[in-house]
Amino acid sequence: MIDKIFFNSSLPRSGSTLLQNIMAQNPDFYVTPTSGVFELLFAAQANYRNSPEFKAQDSETMDKGWKGFCHDGMFGFFNAITDKKYVMEKSRAYGIHRDFLNFFYPEPKIICMVRDLRDVYCSMEKNFRKNQHLGNNMVDHAQLIGTSTPKRVDFWASGQPIGMAIERLSEIMRQGYDSKILFVKFEDLCINPDTEMHRIYEYLGLPYFKHDWDNIEQVTQEDDSQYGIFGDHTIRTKLEVVPSTAKQVLGRDVTDWIWNTYKWFFDYFRYTK
């Protein structure tokens, strides 16, 4: 029977899958790949708010029922598939929708992995270059759309997944509940894993579990073809520092643009140029 559910709501290409599989070493944890549970709840919310059957009844009573539906629905989902004590549920949506989550699961513990945005964009560009044989819908040579690295970076900055994730992060800070979320820098996890994992366990309110950084088994499985050429949820089995190649891959002009555009991000998380 599940005791608590925790939430991994991280930036793309920032080590969220890695963190899930590290947590999976703890036998008390069931960890998810990219999860669709939030989408179930969010879709149900639309039906609840718009259905005349609910509107026609006492709103206070119905809100109590709706709150119970969300809480027990989430626990019921995971109790049906695991008998472990804790769940680490992964979805980028939980951070920005913390207030909705807090409605039926008070004071949720949300972890957000972040990474130098120059390396986030670099990772996307690397995936683009190595998968050009598969085709994509972001490049049109006749119209000169997506035909250069700067254009592709601008494309990702303006939509899914990076643009939306960064906008959501800025809104989290603007609304002031960043203090309720534990931010973990991917670089710090690689350099000082014990220190960062102690921070995580302290935040979760759980006793520390000694992890094996040299043998990280991948237990999360998902069909990356569902996410197109940028779906890449395979992890390294050994935790180690990943040197930045952003300047070499993107070019100095692009990395400077990223730095200047997201100066607030680099300042907040204390990245250096």
Protein backbone atom coordinates (compact mmCIF):
# COMPACT_ATOMS: atom_id res chain seq x y z
CA MET A 1 0.00 0.00 0.00
CA ILE A 2 1.38 3.37 -1.03
CA ASP A 3 2.18 5.75 1.78
CA LYS A 4 3.32 8.82 -0.17
CA ILE A 5 3.63 10.04 -3.74
CA PHE A 6 6.42 12.40 -4.75
CA PHE A 7 6.77 14.31 -8.00
CA ASN A 8 9.60 14.78 -10.48
CA SER A 9 8.75 17.81 -12.61
CA SER A 10 11.96 18.76 -14.37
CA LEU A 11 13.25 20.67 -17.36
CA PRO A 12 13.75 18.63 -20.55
CA ARG A 13 17.19 17.13 -21.15
CA SER A 14 18.16 17.77 -17.51
CA GLY A 15 18.53 14.30 -16.01
CA SER A 16 14.99 13.57 -14.87
CA THR A 17 15.10 10.00 -16.23
CA LEU A 18 18.48 9.53 -14.58
CA LEU A 19 17.06 10.64 -11.24
CA GLN A 20 14.11 8.27 -11.58
CA ASN A 21 16.41 5.31 -12.07
CA ILE A 22 18.67 6.35 -9.22
CA MET A 23 15.63 6.45 -6.94
CA ALA A 24 14.62 3.03 -8.23
CA GLN A 25 17.66 1.56 -6.48
CA ASN A 26 15.79 2.18 -3.24
CA PRO A 27 13.54 -0.89 -2.82
CA ASP A 28 10.82 1.26 -1.23
CA PHE A 29 10.31 3.26 -4.43
CA TYR A 30 8.24 2.68 -7.52
CA VAL A 31 9.33 5.13 -10.21
CA THR A 32 7.53 6.05 -13.40
CA PRO A 33 8.78 6.93 -16.85
CA THR A 34 7.12 10.01 -18.36
CA SER A 35 3.67 9.58 -16.87
CA GLY A 36 0.19 10.34 -18.14
CA VAL A 37 -1.53 10.31 -14.75
CA PHE A 38 -1.68 14.09 -14.56
CA GLU A 39 -3.40 14.20 -17.94
CA LEU A 40 -6.11 11.90 -16.57
CA LEU A 41 -6.70 14.26 -13.67
CA PHE A 42 -6.56 17.41 -15.78
CA ALA A 43 -9.04 16.03 -18.31
CA ALA A 44 -11.36 15.02 -15.48
CA GLN A 45 -11.14 18.55 -14.09
CA ALA A 46 -12.51 19.98 -17.34
CA ASN A 47 -15.46 17.59 -17.21
CA TYR A 48 -16.11 18.37 -13.56
CA ARG A 49 -16.07 22.15 -14.04
CA ASN A 50 -18.22 22.10 -17.19
CA SER A 51 -20.79 19.40 -16.48
CA PRO A 52 -24.28 20.76 -15.69
CA GLU A 53 -24.90 17.74 -13.46
CA PHE A 54 -22.23 18.98 -11.03
CA LYS A 55 -23.17 22.65 -11.44
CA ALA A 56 -26.75 21.84 -10.47
CA GLN A 57 -25.71 20.52 -7.05
CA ASP A 58 -24.27 22.17 -3.96
CA SER A 59 -20.82 23.43 -4.96
CA GLU A 60 -19.20 22.89 -1.56
CA THR A 61 -20.37 19.29 -1.43
CA MET A 62 -19.32 18.63 -5.00
CA ASP A 63 -15.86 20.12 -4.42
CA LYS A 64 -15.37 17.69 -1.52
CA GLY A 65 -16.30 14.83 -3.80
CA TRP A 66 -14.05 16.11 -6.59
CA LYS A 67 -11.16 16.44 -4.17
CA GLY A 68 -11.63 12.85 -3.01
CA PHE A 69 -11.95 11.64 -6.60
CA CYS A 70 -8.58 13.16 -7.55
CA HIS A 71 -6.77 11.98 -4.43
CA ASP A 72 -8.10 8.45 -4.41
CA GLY A 73 -7.87 8.18 -8.20
CA MET A 74 -4.16 8.92 -8.14
CA PHE A 75 -3.50 6.54 -5.25
CA GLY A 76 -5.77 3.93 -6.79
CA PHE A 77 -3.85 4.06 -10.05
CA PHE A 78 -0.54 3.31 -8.38
CA ASN A 79 -1.87 0.88 -5.78
CA ALA A 80 -3.14 -1.20 -8.70
CA ILE A 81 0.33 -1.53 -10.23
CA THR A 82 2.75 -1.59 -7.28
CA ASP A 83 2.92 -2.67 -3.67
CA LYS A 84 5.85 -0.42 -2.86
CA LYS A 85 5.70 2.25 -0.16
CA TYR A 86 6.58 5.33 -2.21
CA VAL A 87 6.03 6.53 -5.77
CA MET A 88 8.18 8.99 -7.69
CA GLU A 89 5.82 10.25 -10.37
CA LYS A 90 7.38 12.04 -13.34
CA SER A 91 5.68 14.71 -15.43
CA ARG A 92 6.72 18.23 -16.42
CA ALA A 93 3.22 19.46 -15.59
CA TYR A 94 3.27 19.18 -11.81
CA GLY A 95 5.48 22.21 -11.16
CA ILE A 96 3.32 24.79 -12.93
CA HIS A 97 0.13 23.11 -11.73
CA ARG A 98 1.23 22.85 -8.11
CA ASP A 99 -1.88 24.70 -6.92
CA PHE A 100 -4.12 22.12 -8.58
CA LEU A 101 -2.06 19.29 -7.09
CA ASN A 102 -2.10 21.00 -3.69
CA PHE A 103 -5.93 21.07 -3.83
CA PHE A 104 -6.21 17.30 -3.37
CA TYR A 105 -2.69 16.40 -2.17
CA PRO A 106 -1.62 19.13 0.29
CA GLU A 107 1.99 20.31 0.36
CA PRO A 108 3.25 18.06 -2.45
CA LYS A 109 6.98 17.40 -2.62
CA ILE A 110 8.15 18.37 -6.12
CA ILE A 111 11.71 17.96 -7.41
CA CYS A 112 12.84 19.90 -10.46
CA MET A 113 16.05 18.95 -12.22
CA VAL A 114 17.66 21.85 -14.07
CA ARG A 115 20.69 22.11 -16.33
CA ASP A 116 22.72 24.80 -18.04
CA LEU A 117 20.34 25.83 -20.82
CA ARG A 118 23.17 25.98 -23.31
CA ASP A 119 23.62 22.24 -22.79
CA VAL A 120 19.87 21.64 -22.94
CA TYR A 121 19.70 23.22 -26.39
CA CYS A 122 22.93 21.46 -27.35
CA SER A 123 21.37 18.10 -26.50
CA MET A 124 18.40 18.88 -28.74
CA GLU A 125 20.68 19.89 -31.61
CA LYS A 126 22.74 16.72 -31.23
CA ASN A 127 19.60 14.61 -31.48
CA PHE A 128 18.53 16.55 -34.55
CA ARG A 129 21.86 16.00 -36.31
CA LYS A 130 22.12 12.30 -35.59
CA ASN A 131 18.54 11.59 -36.70
CA GLN A 132 18.22 13.55 -39.94
CA HIS A 133 17.73 10.32 -41.87
CA LEU A 134 14.40 9.86 -40.07
CA GLY A 135 12.93 13.12 -41.28
CA ASN A 136 11.08 15.73 -39.24
CA ASN A 137 8.54 18.50 -39.61
CA MET A 138 10.67 21.41 -38.43
CA VAL A 139 12.83 21.90 -41.54
CA ASP A 140 11.60 23.30 -44.84
CA HIS A 141 14.51 24.10 -47.17
CA ALA A 142 12.30 25.80 -49.74
CA GLN A 143 11.02 28.26 -47.14
CA LEU A 144 14.32 28.43 -45.21
CA ILE A 145 12.59 27.24 -42.05
CA GLY A 146 14.70 25.43 -39.45
CA THR A 147 17.64 25.25 -41.83
CA SER A 148 20.32 26.50 -39.43
CA THR A 149 21.31 25.94 -35.81
CA PRO A 150 20.18 29.44 -34.70
CA LYS A 151 16.79 28.92 -36.36
CA ARG A 152 16.32 25.56 -34.68
CA VAL A 153 17.25 26.99 -31.28
CA ASP A 154 14.73 29.77 -31.85
CA PHE A 155 12.14 27.15 -32.83
CA TRP A 156 12.69 25.18 -29.62
CA ALA A 157 12.70 28.38 -27.56
CA SER A 158 9.26 29.27 -28.91
CA GLY A 159 7.42 26.04 -28.21
CA GLN A 160 7.63 22.48 -26.95
CA PRO A 161 9.45 21.17 -25.08
CA ILE A 162 12.02 23.78 -24.04
CA GLY A 163 10.16 27.04 -24.52
CA MET A 164 7.12 25.89 -22.57
CA ALA A 165 9.23 24.41 -19.77
CA ILE A 166 11.25 27.61 -19.32
CA GLU A 167 8.14 29.78 -19.42
CA ARG A 168 6.54 27.57 -16.78
CA LEU A 169 9.65 27.83 -14.62
CA SER A 170 9.66 31.61 -14.84
CA GLU A 171 5.98 31.66 -13.89
CA ILE A 172 6.65 29.41 -10.90
CA MET A 173 9.18 31.98 -9.71
CA ARG A 174 6.87 34.88 -10.47
CA GLN A 175 4.09 33.33 -8.40
CA GLY A 176 6.54 32.71 -5.56
CA TYR A 177 6.26 28.99 -4.96
CA ASP A 178 9.73 28.17 -6.17
CA SER A 179 10.61 28.05 -2.45
CA LYS A 180 8.37 24.98 -2.11
CA ILE A 181 10.13 23.08 -4.91
CA LEU A 182 13.52 21.40 -4.57
CA PHE A 183 15.75 22.34 -7.49
CA VAL A 184 18.64 20.01 -8.28
CA LYS A 185 21.27 20.97 -10.83
CA PHE A 186 22.21 18.12 -13.13
CA GLU A 187 25.84 19.20 -12.95
CA ASP A 188 25.85 19.09 -9.13
CA LEU A 189 24.27 15.63 -9.11
CA CYS A 190 27.06 14.36 -11.37
CA ILE A 191 29.86 16.03 -9.39
CA ASN A 192 28.59 15.51 -5.81
CA PRO A 193 25.94 12.80 -5.96
CA ASP A 194 25.96 11.93 -2.26
CA THR A 195 25.50 15.57 -1.28
CA GLU A 196 22.65 16.11 -3.71
CA MET A 197 20.89 12.87 -2.82
CA HIS A 198 21.11 13.75 0.88
CA ARG A 199 19.34 17.01 -0.01
CA ILE A 200 16.65 15.05 -1.85
CA TYR A 201 16.01 12.62 0.98
CA GLU A 202 15.94 15.42 3.53
CA TYR A 203 13.40 17.30 1.41
CA LEU A 204 11.27 14.17 1.05
CA GLY A 205 11.48 13.54 4.79
CA LEU A 206 12.90 10.05 4.35
CA PRO A 207 15.99 8.27 5.72
CA TYR A 208 18.95 8.31 3.36
CA PHE A 209 19.55 5.31 1.12
CA LYS A 210 23.07 4.57 -0.08
CA HIS A 211 23.05 4.47 -3.87
CA ASP A 212 25.47 2.80 -6.27
CA TRP A 213 26.72 5.45 -8.70
CA ASP A 214 28.63 2.95 -10.86
CA ASN A 215 25.74 0.58 -11.56
CA ILE A 216 22.53 2.42 -12.32
CA GLU A 217 20.10 -0.05 -13.84
CA GLN A 218 17.47 1.41 -16.14
CA VAL A 219 14.10 0.21 -14.91
CA THR A 220 11.96 2.87 -16.61
CA GLN A 221 10.91 1.83 -20.09
CA GLU A 222 9.15 3.96 -22.69
CA ASP A 223 8.79 3.84 -26.45
CA ASP A 224 10.82 6.85 -27.56
CA SER A 225 9.36 6.63 -31.06
CA GLN A 226 6.22 8.20 -29.58
CA TYR A 227 8.18 11.42 -29.04
CA GLY A 228 9.80 11.69 -32.46
CA ILE A 229 13.51 12.16 -33.08
CA PHE A 230 13.97 14.04 -29.80
CA GLY A 231 12.71 11.20 -27.65
CA ASP A 232 15.75 9.92 -25.80
CA HIS A 233 15.16 8.41 -22.37
CA THR A 234 18.12 6.03 -22.25
CA ILE A 235 20.54 6.65 -19.39
CA ARG A 236 24.18 5.89 -18.75
CA THR A 237 24.73 3.11 -16.22
CA LYS A 238 27.51 5.05 -14.48
CA LEU A 239 27.07 8.50 -13.00
CA GLU A 240 29.84 10.77 -14.21
CA VAL A 241 30.51 14.35 -15.20
CA VAL A 242 29.36 15.18 -18.73
CA PRO A 243 31.64 17.84 -20.25
CA SER A 244 29.82 20.67 -22.02
CA THR A 245 30.06 20.74 -25.81
CA ALA A 246 27.58 23.58 -26.28
CA LYS A 247 30.03 26.10 -27.72
CA GLN A 248 31.42 23.57 -30.18
CA VAL A 249 28.00 22.32 -31.32
CA LEU A 250 25.93 25.50 -31.22
CA GLY A 251 28.59 28.10 -31.86
CA ARG A 252 29.62 31.00 -29.66
CA ASP A 253 27.02 33.35 -31.14
CA VAL A 254 24.19 31.00 -30.20
CA THR A 255 25.47 30.25 -26.70
CA ASP A 256 25.84 34.00 -26.11
CA TRP A 257 22.25 34.49 -27.26
CA ILE A 258 21.05 31.81 -24.85
CA TRP A 259 23.03 33.42 -22.01
CA ASN A 260 21.64 36.89 -22.68
CA THR A 261 18.07 35.72 -23.26
CA TYR A 262 17.87 33.67 -20.07
CA LYS A 263 20.12 35.73 -17.81
CA TRP A 264 17.52 35.42 -15.04
CA PHE A 265 17.86 31.62 -15.17
CA PHE A 266 21.65 31.64 -15.06
CA ASP A 267 21.62 34.14 -12.19
CA TYR A 268 19.02 32.24 -10.17
CA PHE A 269 20.86 28.92 -10.43
CA ARG A 270 24.32 30.50 -10.24
CA TYR A 271 25.71 29.36 -13.55
CA THR A 272 28.79 31.11 -14.89
CA LYS A 273 29.48 32.25 -18.41
